[in-house]
Protein backbone atom coordinates (compact mmCIF):
# COMPACT_ATOMS: atom_id res chain seq x y z
CA MET A 1 0.16 -0.01 0.01
CA GLY A 2 1.17 3.42 -0.77
CA GLN A 3 1.94 6.32 1.64
CA SER A 4 2.60 10.20 1.99
CA ARG A 5 6.00 10.84 3.62
CA LYS A 6 6.77 14.17 5.27
CA ARG A 7 9.72 15.96 4.20
CA LYS A 8 11.60 19.18 5.44
CA GLY A 9 12.01 21.79 2.04
CA LYS A 10 15.54 23.35 1.66
CA ASN A 11 13.24 27.00 2.21
CA GLY A 12 11.98 25.28 5.51
CA LYS A 13 8.58 24.30 5.09
CA PHE A 14 6.75 21.09 4.69
CA ARG A 15 5.90 18.88 1.76
CA TYR A 16 4.74 15.48 0.69
CA THR A 17 6.00 12.55 -1.14
CA ALA A 18 3.76 10.42 -2.48
CA TYR A 19 5.10 6.84 -2.85
CA TYR A 20 3.74 3.23 -4.06
CA ASP A 21 4.78 0.07 -5.43
CA ASP A 22 5.39 -0.19 -9.17
CA ILE A 23 4.09 -3.34 -11.38
CA ARG A 24 7.56 -5.16 -9.98
CA GLY A 25 7.32 -4.53 -6.82
CA ASN A 26 9.44 -1.82 -6.46
CA ARG A 27 8.76 1.22 -4.14
CA VAL A 28 8.78 4.56 -6.48
CA SER A 29 7.76 7.83 -5.83
CA ALA A 30 4.64 9.44 -7.81
CA GLY A 31 5.63 13.11 -6.99
CA THR A 32 6.49 15.75 -4.02
CA TYR A 33 3.27 18.06 -3.39
CA ALA A 34 2.54 20.47 -1.04
CA THR A 35 -0.39 18.97 1.05
CA GLU A 36 -0.74 15.66 2.58
CA LYS A 37 -4.04 15.68 0.94
CA GLU A 38 -2.29 15.71 -3.07
CA ALA A 39 0.14 13.24 -2.03
CA ASP A 40 -2.63 10.47 -0.96
CA LYS A 41 -4.50 11.32 -4.53
CA ALA A 42 -1.17 10.77 -6.32
CA TRP A 43 -0.02 7.97 -4.53
CA GLN A 44 -3.88 6.31 -4.72
CA LYS A 45 -4.22 7.21 -8.62
CA ALA A 46 -0.86 5.63 -9.21
CA GLU A 47 -1.73 2.76 -7.62
CA VAL A 48 -5.16 2.52 -9.65
CA LYS A 49 -2.53 2.25 -12.57
CA VAL A 50 -0.70 -0.44 -11.52
CA SER A 51 -3.44 -2.59 -10.76
CA GLU A 52 -4.47 -2.24 -14.49
CA GLY A 53 -1.13 -3.22 -15.74
CA ARG A 54 -0.53 0.26 -16.96
CA GLY A 55 1.68 1.66 -13.97
CA GLY A 56 4.83 3.24 -15.01
CA ASN A 57 7.76 4.83 -13.73
CA PRO A 58 7.39 8.57 -14.32
CA ALA A 59 11.43 9.00 -13.43
CA ARG A 60 12.41 6.48 -16.26
CA GLY A 61 10.95 9.89 -19.02
CA ARG A 62 13.51 12.02 -17.24
CA GLN A 63 16.11 10.26 -18.46
CA ALA A 64 18.62 11.16 -21.24
CA PHE A 65 17.39 9.78 -24.77
CA ARG A 66 20.92 8.86 -25.58
CA ARG A 67 20.79 6.41 -22.52
CA TYR A 68 17.72 5.45 -22.93
CA VAL A 69 18.16 4.63 -26.92
CA GLU A 70 21.60 2.84 -26.69
CA GLU A 71 20.77 0.73 -23.45
CA GLU A 72 18.07 -0.02 -23.09
CA TRP A 73 15.51 0.45 -26.77
CA PHE A 74 18.07 -0.13 -29.29
CA PRO A 75 20.20 -3.67 -27.56
CA ASN A 76 16.56 -4.89 -26.82
CA HIS A 77 14.77 -4.25 -29.78
CA VAL A 78 13.44 -7.20 -32.03
CA ILE A 79 14.36 -6.41 -35.59
CA GLU A 80 15.65 -8.17 -38.92
CA VAL A 81 19.23 -7.95 -38.84
CA SER A 82 19.49 -5.78 -42.42
CA THR A 83 17.18 -3.47 -40.60
CA ARG A 84 19.05 -3.23 -37.37
CA GLU A 85 22.33 -2.06 -39.04
CA GLY A 86 20.35 0.68 -41.56
CA TYR A 87 18.46 1.57 -37.94
CA HIS A 88 22.35 1.74 -36.63
CA TYR A 89 23.47 4.20 -38.82
CA ALA A 90 20.25 6.57 -38.83
CA ILE A 91 20.33 6.65 -35.10
CA HIS A 92 24.07 7.59 -34.93
CA SER A 93 24.29 9.73 -37.49
CA ARG A 94 21.27 12.08 -37.84
CA ILE A 95 18.93 11.53 -34.44
CA LEU A 96 21.27 10.82 -31.75
CA PRO A 97 23.75 13.90 -32.35
CA HIS A 98 20.19 16.43 -32.36
CA PHE A 99 18.20 14.65 -29.32
CA GLY A 100 20.89 12.64 -27.95
CA LYS A 101 21.21 15.38 -24.70
CA MET A 102 17.77 16.07 -24.07
CA LYS A 103 15.22 14.35 -21.09
CA LEU A 104 13.22 11.81 -22.67
CA ASN A 105 10.14 13.49 -21.21
CA GLU A 106 10.88 16.70 -23.00
CA ILE A 107 10.74 16.14 -26.27
CA LEU A 108 7.88 17.52 -28.03
CA PRO A 109 6.28 17.91 -31.67
CA PRO A 110 8.26 21.85 -32.04
CA ASP A 111 11.01 19.91 -31.40
CA VAL A 112 10.85 16.87 -34.10
CA ARG A 113 9.62 19.55 -36.85
CA GLU A 114 12.59 21.95 -36.24
CA TRP A 115 14.93 18.38 -36.65
CA ILE A 116 13.31 17.77 -39.96
CA LYS A 117 13.84 21.50 -41.03
CA LEU A 118 17.42 21.15 -40.28
CA LEU A 119 17.33 17.77 -42.46
CA GLY A 120 15.94 19.46 -45.56
CA LYS A 121 18.38 22.26 -45.09
CA ALA A 122 20.95 19.74 -45.12
CA GLY A 123 20.18 18.64 -48.53
CA MET A 124 18.66 15.24 -47.31
CA LYS A 125 16.13 13.58 -49.79
CA PRO A 126 12.31 13.47 -48.66
CA ARG A 127 12.82 9.14 -48.66
CA ASN A 128 15.44 9.40 -46.47
CA ILE A 129 13.97 12.31 -44.11
CA ALA A 130 10.80 9.74 -43.89
CA PHE A 131 13.02 6.79 -43.34
CA HIS A 132 14.49 8.79 -40.19
CA LYS A 133 11.27 9.54 -38.99
CA THR A 134 9.99 6.39 -38.79
CA VAL A 135 13.22 5.15 -37.00
CA LEU A 136 12.89 8.32 -34.49
CA SER A 137 8.73 7.62 -34.01
CA ALA A 138 9.58 3.89 -33.39
CA ILE A 139 11.79 4.58 -30.42
CA PHE A 140 9.30 7.10 -29.04
CA THR A 141 6.45 4.37 -30.03
CA THR A 142 8.10 1.87 -27.58
CA ALA A 143 8.85 4.44 -24.61
CA PHE A 144 4.95 5.66 -25.36
CA ASN A 145 3.97 1.89 -24.46
CA ASP A 146 6.35 1.72 -21.67
CA GLU A 147 5.06 4.80 -20.40
CA ALA A 148 7.97 6.20 -19.80
CA ILE A 149 6.50 9.33 -21.55
CA GLY A 150 3.21 10.72 -21.51
CA LEU A 151 3.06 12.23 -25.21
CA HIS A 152 4.63 10.42 -28.24
CA PRO A 153 6.11 13.61 -30.25
CA CYS A 154 6.15 12.80 -33.34
CA ARG A 155 2.02 12.04 -33.92
CA GLY A 156 0.95 14.77 -36.35
CA VAL A 157 4.04 15.65 -37.54
CA ARG A 158 4.98 15.59 -41.01
CA THR A 159 7.50 15.18 -43.31
CA PRO A 160 8.06 16.80 -46.78
CA THR A 161 6.06 14.40 -49.38
CA VAL A 162 7.87 11.77 -51.14
CA PRO A 163 7.16 12.28 -54.78
CA LYS A 164 6.49 8.66 -56.13
CA LYS A 165 8.28 7.23 -58.69
CA MET A 166 7.23 6.06 -62.55
CA LEU A 167 7.77 2.56 -63.16
CA GLU A 168 9.96 2.26 -66.47
CA ILE A 169 9.59 -1.24 -67.61
CA ILE A 170 11.86 -3.14 -69.68
CA THR A 171 10.24 -4.08 -73.23
CA PRO A 172 11.18 -7.72 -74.27
CA GLU A 173 12.95 -6.22 -77.33
CA GLN A 174 15.43 -4.22 -74.49
CA PHE A 175 15.21 -7.41 -72.54
CA ASP A 176 16.88 -9.35 -75.35
CA ASP A 177 19.61 -7.10 -76.28
CA PHE A 178 20.66 -6.36 -72.29
CA HIS A 179 20.80 -10.26 -72.34
CA ALA A 180 23.00 -10.84 -75.49
CA ALA A 181 25.56 -8.50 -73.88
CA LEU A 182 26.02 -10.19 -70.51
CA PRO A 183 29.87 -11.57 -69.90
CA ASP A 184 29.32 -15.22 -69.57
CA GLU A 185 26.85 -18.47 -68.77
CA VAL A 186 26.52 -17.44 -64.97
CA SER A 187 25.03 -13.98 -65.30
CA ARG A 188 23.02 -14.78 -68.39
CA MET A 189 21.25 -18.08 -66.50
CA LEU A 190 20.91 -15.63 -63.70
CA VAL A 191 18.60 -12.72 -65.44
CA GLU A 192 16.58 -15.22 -67.35
CA VAL A 193 15.29 -16.68 -64.10
CA ALA A 194 15.25 -13.28 -62.67
CA ILE A 195 12.84 -11.95 -65.96
CA GLU A 196 11.24 -15.18 -65.40
CA SER A 197 10.25 -16.13 -61.89
CA GLY A 198 9.80 -12.23 -60.74
CA MET A 199 12.40 -13.25 -57.69
CA ARG A 200 13.60 -11.17 -55.16
CA TRP A 201 17.72 -10.74 -55.47
CA GLY A 202 18.25 -11.90 -52.26
CA GLU A 203 15.78 -14.82 -53.06
CA LEU A 204 18.09 -15.58 -56.25
CA ALA A 205 21.44 -15.15 -54.44
CA GLU A 206 20.53 -18.37 -52.30
CA LEU A 207 18.76 -20.17 -54.68
CA ARG A 208 19.93 -23.86 -55.18
CA PRO A 209 18.95 -27.21 -57.53
CA LYS A 210 16.85 -28.78 -54.42
CA ASP A 211 14.55 -25.44 -54.58
CA ILE A 212 13.46 -26.49 -58.25
CA ASN A 213 11.51 -29.88 -58.84
CA LEU A 214 12.53 -30.47 -62.49
CA ARG A 215 10.03 -32.66 -63.37
CA THR A 216 6.96 -30.86 -62.21
CA ARG A 217 8.79 -27.23 -63.00
CA ILE A 218 7.58 -25.88 -59.16
CA LEU A 219 9.64 -23.64 -57.71
CA THR A 220 9.50 -23.02 -53.87
CA ILE A 221 10.88 -20.05 -51.99
CA SER A 222 11.40 -20.65 -48.45
CA ARG A 223 14.89 -18.84 -48.15
CA THR A 224 16.74 -15.66 -48.41
CA VAL A 225 20.39 -14.21 -47.91
CA VAL A 226 21.30 -10.49 -46.91
CA GLU A 227 24.63 -9.00 -47.22
CA VAL A 228 25.18 -6.53 -43.79
CA ASN A 229 28.38 -5.75 -42.40
CA THR A 230 29.74 -8.06 -40.02
CA ARG A 231 29.70 -6.52 -36.75
CA PHE A 232 25.91 -7.25 -37.15
CA HIS A 233 25.98 -10.18 -38.49
CA PRO A 234 25.57 -13.24 -35.20
CA ASP A 235 29.01 -15.01 -36.35
CA GLY A 236 30.56 -11.94 -37.76
CA LYS A 237 30.20 -13.47 -41.47
CA ARG A 238 29.25 -11.34 -44.45
CA PHE A 239 25.92 -13.14 -45.71
CA LEU A 240 23.24 -14.11 -43.49
CA ILE A 241 20.90 -16.79 -44.59
CA LYS A 242 17.11 -16.19 -43.46
CA ASP A 243 14.97 -19.13 -43.42
CA TYR A 244 12.30 -17.19 -44.82
CA PRO A 245 11.31 -14.84 -47.54
CA LYS A 246 10.45 -10.97 -47.50
CA ASP A 247 6.79 -11.69 -47.11
CA LYS A 248 7.68 -14.65 -44.00
CA GLU A 249 6.18 -17.33 -45.70
CA PRO A 250 7.24 -19.87 -48.53
CA ARG A 251 5.74 -19.72 -51.74
CA ARG A 252 5.47 -22.00 -54.83
CA PHE A 253 4.70 -21.18 -58.23
CA LYS A 254 5.48 -23.14 -61.35
CA LEU A 255 8.23 -22.50 -64.18
CA SER A 256 7.49 -22.28 -67.96
CA ALA A 257 9.49 -25.21 -69.96
CA GLN A 258 11.96 -23.51 -71.71
CA ILE A 259 13.44 -22.13 -68.71
CA ILE A 260 13.35 -25.32 -66.85
CA THR A 261 15.58 -27.02 -69.86
CA LYS A 262 18.11 -23.97 -69.94
CA LEU A 263 18.20 -24.77 -65.89
CA THR A 264 18.72 -28.41 -66.38
CA ALA A 265 21.47 -28.65 -68.79
CA TYR A 266 22.86 -25.89 -66.47
CA ILE A 267 23.20 -27.85 -63.48
CA GLN A 268 24.24 -30.86 -65.40
CA ALA A 269 27.08 -29.12 -67.65
CA ARG A 270 28.33 -27.59 -63.88
CA GLY A 271 27.85 -30.73 -61.41
CA LEU A 272 25.67 -29.00 -59.18
CA ASP A 273 24.68 -31.15 -56.39
CA SER A 274 21.26 -30.57 -54.85
CA ASP A 275 22.53 -28.29 -52.15
CA ASP A 276 24.78 -26.03 -54.18
CA LEU A 277 23.97 -22.40 -54.84
CA LEU A 278 22.70 -22.27 -58.31
CA PHE A 279 24.71 -18.67 -59.10
CA GLN A 280 28.46 -19.19 -57.50
CA TYR A 281 30.42 -16.05 -57.20
CA ASP A 282 34.06 -16.95 -58.81
CA LYS A 283 36.57 -13.99 -58.72
CA PRO A 284 36.94 -12.26 -62.12
CA VAL A 285 39.87 -12.74 -63.94
CA GLU A 286 40.78 -9.39 -65.19
CA PRO A 287 41.09 -8.44 -68.36
CA ALA A 288 44.96 -7.17 -70.39
CA ARG A 289 44.91 -3.63 -71.17
CA HIS A 290 45.86 -2.85 -74.59
CA ASP A 291 46.76 0.46 -75.54
CA THR A 292 43.95 1.02 -78.57
CA GLY A 293 42.42 4.06 -77.42
CA PRO A 294 43.32 7.72 -78.38
CA THR A 295 46.10 9.19 -77.63
CA PRO A 296 46.17 12.11 -74.92
CA ALA A 297 46.89 14.67 -77.59
CA ASN A 298 43.43 13.74 -78.98
CA LEU A 299 41.19 14.27 -75.65
CA GLY A 300 41.97 17.54 -75.11
CA LEU A 301 41.90 20.06 -72.41
CA THR A 302 39.93 19.09 -68.51
CA SER A 303 37.85 22.01 -66.93
CA PRO A 304 39.61 24.30 -65.33
CA ASN A 305 40.58 23.85 -62.08
CA ALA A 306 39.88 26.08 -59.01
CA ALA A 307 43.13 27.87 -60.21
CA GLY A 308 41.97 28.42 -63.46
CA ARG A 309 44.32 25.93 -64.97
CA GLN A 310 43.66 23.02 -67.65
CA TYR A 311 45.17 20.48 -68.44
CA ARG A 312 44.97 17.14 -70.79
CA HIS A 313 43.01 14.17 -70.61
CA GLY A 314 44.30 10.75 -70.70
CA THR A 315 47.40 12.35 -68.24
CA PRO A 316 47.82 11.78 -64.37
CA SER A 317 48.01 15.41 -64.58
CA GLY A 318 44.77 15.52 -65.78
CA TYR A 319 43.24 13.14 -62.70
CA ASN A 320 45.07 14.79 -59.95
CA ALA A 321 45.77 18.65 -60.99
CA GLY A 322 42.75 18.94 -63.18
CA ARG A 323 40.39 16.95 -60.53
CA CYS A 324 39.15 14.99 -63.81
CA LYS A 325 37.56 11.59 -63.41
CA CYS A 326 37.32 11.08 -66.66
CA ASP A 327 37.76 6.93 -67.83
CA HIS A 328 40.85 8.19 -69.64
CA CYS A 329 42.21 9.87 -67.41
CA ARG A 330 41.20 7.55 -64.27
CA ARG A 331 43.16 4.95 -66.57
CA ALA A 332 46.19 7.00 -66.68
CA ILE A 333 46.75 7.10 -63.07
CA ALA A 334 45.97 3.67 -62.67
CA ASP A 335 48.59 2.82 -65.51
CA TYR A 336 50.87 5.48 -63.75
CA ARG A 337 50.91 3.44 -60.07
CA ALA A 338 51.00 -0.13 -61.60
CA GLN A 339 54.17 0.89 -63.55
CA ARG A 340 55.44 2.51 -60.30
CA ARG A 341 54.85 -0.79 -57.85
CA ALA A 342 56.16 -2.86 -60.88
CA ALA A 343 59.64 -0.52 -60.88
CA GLY A 344 59.60 -1.22 -57.08
CA HIS A 345 58.88 2.73 -56.10
CA ASP A 346 55.91 1.96 -54.26
CA SER A 347 54.96 -0.50 -51.63
CA PRO A 348 52.53 -2.50 -53.65
CA ARG A 349 48.35 -2.74 -52.20
CA THR A 350 46.89 -5.62 -51.14
CA PRO A 351 44.42 -6.40 -54.21
CA ARG A 352 40.69 -5.54 -53.29
CA SER A 353 38.90 -8.82 -52.98
CA TYR A 354 34.99 -9.66 -51.92
CA ASP A 355 34.34 -11.19 -48.37
CA THR A 356 31.97 -13.70 -49.76
CA ASP A 357 31.21 -17.59 -48.54
CA GLY A 358 30.23 -18.39 -52.37
CA HIS A 359 26.98 -15.92 -52.94
CA ILE A 360 27.18 -12.80 -55.77
CA PRO A 361 27.60 -9.81 -53.70
CA ARG A 362 25.17 -7.52 -54.97
CA ARG A 363 27.46 -4.71 -55.21
CA TRP A 364 29.90 -6.63 -57.16
CA PHE A 365 27.11 -8.02 -59.98
CA ARG A 366 25.66 -4.32 -59.99
CA ASP A 367 29.28 -2.96 -61.11
CA ARG A 368 31.18 -5.58 -63.02
CA ILE A 369 28.00 -7.15 -64.42
CA LEU A 370 24.92 -5.02 -65.24
CA ARG A 371 26.60 -1.95 -66.01
CA PRO A 372 28.79 -3.03 -68.54
CA ALA A 373 26.22 -5.18 -70.05
CA LEU A 374 23.87 -2.19 -69.82
CA GLU A 375 26.46 0.21 -71.70
CA THR A 376 27.59 -2.62 -74.43
CA ALA A 377 23.59 -2.37 -75.69
CA LYS A 378 23.44 1.11 -75.60
CA LEU A 379 19.56 0.98 -73.99
CA ASP A 380 18.14 4.34 -72.83
CA ILE A 381 16.60 2.50 -69.80
CA ASP A 382 18.38 2.35 -66.33
CA ILE A 383 18.59 -1.29 -65.11
CA VAL A 384 18.77 -2.52 -61.65
CA MET A 385 17.82 -6.20 -60.63
CA LYS A 386 14.45 -5.34 -59.40
CA ALA A 387 13.96 -3.71 -63.01
CA PHE A 388 13.40 -7.52 -64.13
CA ARG A 389 11.12 -8.29 -60.79
CA HIS A 390 9.33 -5.28 -62.36
CA ALA A 391 8.96 -6.75 -66.03
CA HIS A 392 7.97 -9.78 -64.78
CA ALA A 393 4.47 -8.66 -63.20
CA SER A 394 4.22 -6.01 -65.68
CA TRP A 395 4.45 -8.39 -68.79
CA LEU A 396 2.56 -11.02 -66.80
CA LEU A 397 -0.65 -8.53 -66.15
CA ALA A 398 -0.14 -7.33 -69.63
CA GLY A 399 -0.75 -10.95 -71.12
CA GLY A 400 -3.94 -11.88 -69.54
CA ALA A 401 -2.43 -13.10 -66.14
CA ASP A 402 -4.97 -12.90 -62.99
CA LEU A 403 -4.20 -10.57 -60.88
CA GLN A 404 -4.15 -12.82 -57.77
CA VAL A 405 -2.41 -14.96 -59.93
CA VAL A 406 0.65 -12.55 -59.52
CA LYS A 407 0.19 -11.14 -56.23
CA GLU A 408 0.90 -14.38 -55.39
CA ARG A 409 3.97 -15.69 -57.67
CA LEU A 410 5.32 -12.03 -56.50
CA GLY A 411 4.69 -12.35 -52.86
CA HIS A 412 3.05 -9.14 -52.38
CA GLY A 413 1.15 -8.25 -49.21
CA SER A 414 -1.29 -6.52 -50.57
CA ILE A 415 -3.26 -6.30 -54.04
CA LYS A 416 -2.58 -3.07 -54.26
CA THR A 417 1.11 -3.50 -55.08
CA THR A 418 0.41 -5.88 -58.01
CA GLU A 419 -1.97 -3.55 -59.41
CA GLY A 420 0.83 -0.71 -59.70
CA TYR A 421 2.31 -3.05 -62.52
CA LEU A 422 -1.33 -2.87 -64.67
CA HIS A 423 -0.75 -0.80 -67.84
CA THR A 424 3.00 -0.02 -67.15
CA LEU A 425 4.41 -1.27 -70.78
CA PRO A 426 4.94 1.47 -73.03
CA ASP A 427 2.40 0.34 -75.38
CA ALA A 428 -0.23 -0.09 -72.63
CA ASP A 429 -2.50 2.82 -73.86
CA ASP A 430 -2.27 1.73 -77.83
CA THR A 431 -5.91 0.20 -77.25
CA ALA A 432 -6.89 3.59 -75.76
CA LEU A 433 -5.76 5.81 -78.65
CA ASP A 434 -7.45 3.25 -81.13
CA ALA A 435 -10.75 3.90 -79.55
CA PHE A 436 -10.15 7.55 -79.38
CA SER A 437 -9.12 7.54 -82.85
CA ARG A 438 -12.16 5.74 -84.22
CA ILE A 439 -14.67 7.98 -82.53
CA ARG A 440 -13.02 11.18 -83.73
CA ARG A 441 -12.97 9.68 -87.34
CA ARG A 442 -16.72 8.98 -87.31
CA ALA A 443 -17.36 12.51 -86.40
CA ALA A 444 -15.44 14.12 -89.08
C-alpha cells in the first residue's frame, strides 16, 4: 500500500512525497506535493494504474534520450539484422546528435518538426527524411507504450512529400538486347531466371537446385540471403541466410518449360549438387589492358580547376591537378601507379576482394556485370536487378494473367502493390488511343 511522507524543504517549509509500489514491486515516488491530501491522491491514482497493468515509472522519462536508446531500446528491440544495420546508421548519424542530450519526456512535437526542417536544409531527400522519422517514431512508440513518456512527439508531425517514381518497364526487345550483352553463362542464366520468376535478389542469390522440381517445374522459395556489415552478423560473417523470404512465408509457383530445359542443362554442365548455390561468385580474371584508345593529344583539355588551369585528358596531371575523373584520366593514373609498383617505387597494395562464402555480392554484380552490359547494349533505360521483377509482373498482367495469381507469385502483401504494374508497358495505352481515333474519325 502506498503512503505519503512528510519532508522538510530547503526553504524550511514542509512538503509531502507520495510513494507507491510499481508493477515490479519496487517502491517509487509519484511526486512531491504541498499538502498531504494531494500526495495521497497521487499515490492512490498511481496504484490504480498499477492494478490495471499501466503503472509506469515517471522517473524513466527524465533519463537522457541517448541513454534510453543505447542502453535500453536498441539492444532489446527485435528487428531484422539488415533493418538493425540501417537503424544503427540513422540513429548515430542523425538522431542522437540532435536529441541525445535531451531528456526523454522533454522532447515535444515542435522539437521533431525543427529536426525535420534541419534535415531538409542539410540536403537530405524526402524519402530519407521519412525513413529517419520512422526510426525516431519507433523509439518513441516503445517509450510511450512502456509509459516512460505521456506524449508521443512524432504523432501529427509531417515530413516532406515523397514523390512517387514512375515505373519504367523493360520491353521484351530491350531485354533481349541486354541479355545478349551479358559476359558469361552464369550472369545470363541468373538474369533469365530473374525475368522468368520475378524473384527478389536475395531469393535469387540463395537459390539452390533442391528448390526446383525439374519434373513438375515447381519452384519453392523458402529462404533468402542478406548482405550485412560483419558487426551485425551473429557469427561475424558477411552473408546471413534467413529461413523465410521477405513476406515471411514460403511460396511456390510454376516455371516455363523453356527455362526448366535451360536450368537442367546448366545444372548438369556445372555438376551442381542439390545443396550447391545455383549462382556462385567466381573471382573474375581481370583482362589485360591494351593501349588501343585515343592518345592524350586527341582528347582535349580538362575543365578549369580552382586555380583556372587546364590539363590534357588521359594524363596523370589531368587526374591529380585537373581533378578530372573521366575514364581516360582514371586509366592514366592507374597505369602510372601500376608502373611505379612494378618498378619497386611504391609498396604494392593488397588487391581488393569481396568477402563472400560463395554468394554473389550484390554490388559486385551491379558494377561489374549489369552496368557494363547496359553500356554495351546501348539502351536508354536504367537496369537494376529490381527491374526484372517489375518486368515480370508487368509482362504477366499485360498478357492477361489473373491479378491474384501474379500477387501470389511475387509474394506481395497487398493486391494494391500488384495493381501498380497494370498498364506500365510503353504500348499499354494503344487500345485507348485506337478507341479515341475511331470516334474522332466518325465525327469527321
